[in-house]
Amino acid sequence: MNTEKDLRRKYSELLFAKQNEQRYPEQKGYVKEREKIERQYWDAVLKSKLPKEQLEAMEKQVINELEEFAGLYKQNVENDLDSDKDREAFKKLFMQKVLEELSEPVPNQQKEATPFNKQQYEVKAKEFEQKYGYDVVYALKREVLDEIKEMDLTPAQQEKLQQIETELEKERKMHQELVETQKNSKKEASSQRANNRTMEAPYKQSEFLTGVENDYTRNNKIDKKQQVEHLTNEIERDIEDYFATPERLKEYLSFIGNFHQYSFRNTALIHSQFQGATAVASAKFWKDNGFPVKKGEKGIQILVPNKTDPKFKTEDGKWKRIEDATDEEREKLEANQLEKKRSRPSFSVGHVFDISQTEATSSDLPHIFPNKRLDGKVENYKATLKSLKNMANEMNISVGEPFDELGAAKGAFYNDDSGKRNGHISLNPRNSELQNVKALLHELAHAKLHHVKHKNHQKLSTAEKEFQTEMTAYTVASYFGMDTSDYSLSYLANWTQGKDLHDKEKLLQGVRETATEFIGAMEEGLNKQKTMQHEFEENKDTINHKNNLFWYEMKESPIGDNSQPKGFVDWREGEGMHGIVAYERKLTADELAEFGMHPYEKKKTKENNKQKEAALSMEA
């Protein structure tokens, strides 16, 4: 199932090997490495039996992605160089300001050639803060003040410096209070938007499983098509209005500025192991910043540069570190009487973790953080997920564990090369309940609209496909009272802004048709589950209990249509569709799998004995 993905990875390795061979022609090791990877790649191509056109398209896409990645990396490096210059200039300017405030010249401190200009400082400081954010400004000011502390200051200057530090801490506290106020305002605004949307949603999640009279099929009350059209029009308008404001961009850049910038090779290594990684750091860094790595997470391997110690060969032929040389050996080294070995670069394996592998929540991240996680619970989550899995099964698509590390991706669709199924959908184990429902809707929309067997598979661009699938997922989720607007808006804006979407009305028509179909299927599935539970609730206390029955425990699914249970010994209130049922015959393995059950051994408790006595008295 994973053939094309493996080929993409191997072809990327081959391109890197070719680059190294061209860059270092004198080193034959790179030639051998390229030849080895090339053989592995073509062996994999032969085994895959991919058509020539599909193989060429895959290779072209990988080349384009690497070129785009290289361009972004170059831009980041250039930005980092500019950032270093800007920071040094700001530190120098702030140093000049503080020294000016200390009134008298600091002993042994060279006087600046250019006199301090307060107005000019305020203008430049404001520009710097707008570009890099207050947190960077505060950190640099602290560095400057710490440097000045080490100078030979008079008592009066020390007292003045302490006042400046106190003012800086007050300034920081005011800034933090302002940020907190703005965050609360954003939450209130987001909550208001959610209320505005859910007020018009046909269902609130709490309506589910409250009685047969609340039937999910409401065609006589609500026109699904009209509701879907309203939702898609609303989100489309929001996308047009969505953009990264200077404040949001500053917030994001300030956040990212706290992370180490990795080399091109390490960046490529990180993305090959954990696709979509956005902010990576060591476990210690995350712990120190209040976001410990989640238990069970696997580290991303990187190369950590080291240097070997300079050594010399002793008279008995052994290599020894120069710093450990005796006085006699040092004299011989200075006289070049002993063979020396210079320090050489070496690499060891280190481990880092992406922010999605930590305990950080959505509210801890900047507003425009890419691929930001979607936090939240879903009422009657198991029933909703079961309904979506049934939809997938109707499309001959399995839903289960990922075949490999999904990284920051929330879900993935795998084509089935065997032809037995139309594909497999995997959900990231790191997902919240709301993220799982939204991601499954997204991947099902991909399967419905853009499967390789679909006529539009080759016609639409990636941006157009992502536009359709996320619009569909958002619309269906909103219809059932689940608000994913913050996540979906950011996702859609990132994919569509600056892109040319051909015939948007036709794309939206596909969204509306698919969303309407999904809503109908979900309503049918949810209503079916609700009816079955209602029947259980009515009959659980009236069914006779007999001794010659086979007992089973339901794991998570409702009783299947053909299960026909003969009795109950227990019904676990408050745990959803979970209970103990009995049959006059032993169920087969297939039936157990279909009904979501496993054998249950009755416990000899007083409660069960009472129930058995009551059942026997009823029979008598």
Foldseek 3Di string as FASTA:
>chain_A
DCLLVVLLLLLLVLVVLVVVCVVCVVDCVSVVVNVVSVVVNVVSVVVVPDDPVVVVVSNVVSVVVVVVVVVVLVVVVVVVVVVVVLLVVLLVLLLLVLCVQLPDHFPPDDDDPDHRDPVVNVVSLVVVCLQANDVSVLVSNVVSLVVVVPTDDDPSSVVSSVVVVVVSVVVVVVVVVVVVVVLVVVVVVVVVVLCVLLVPFPAELVLFLPDLVSALDPVVPDPLLVLLVVLLVVLVVVLVVDDQDSVLVNQQNNVQVVADDDDPVQVVQQCSAAPPFDGKDAQVVCVVVPWHFDPPDDFRKGKDKDKDAKWWADPVGDIDHPVPDDPVVVVCVVVVVIGIDHIDMDIDIDTMDGSLRINDALSNHRLLRPLRADADAGVVLLLLVVLLQVVCVVQQEHEDADPHHHHSDQKDWAADPVPNGRTYIYGHPSHHSLSNQLNSQLVVLCSVDARPPHPCVPVFDPLLSSLLSLSLSQSLCSNHSHHPSSSSSSSNSVSPVVDDGPPVVVSVVSSSVVSSVSNVSSSVSSSVQSVLVVVCVVCQVPAFDDDQWFKKKADRAAADPPNPFRHFLDDDPPPHRIGMTIHNDDDDPVNCVVRRIDGDDDDPDPSSVVSNVVRVVVVD
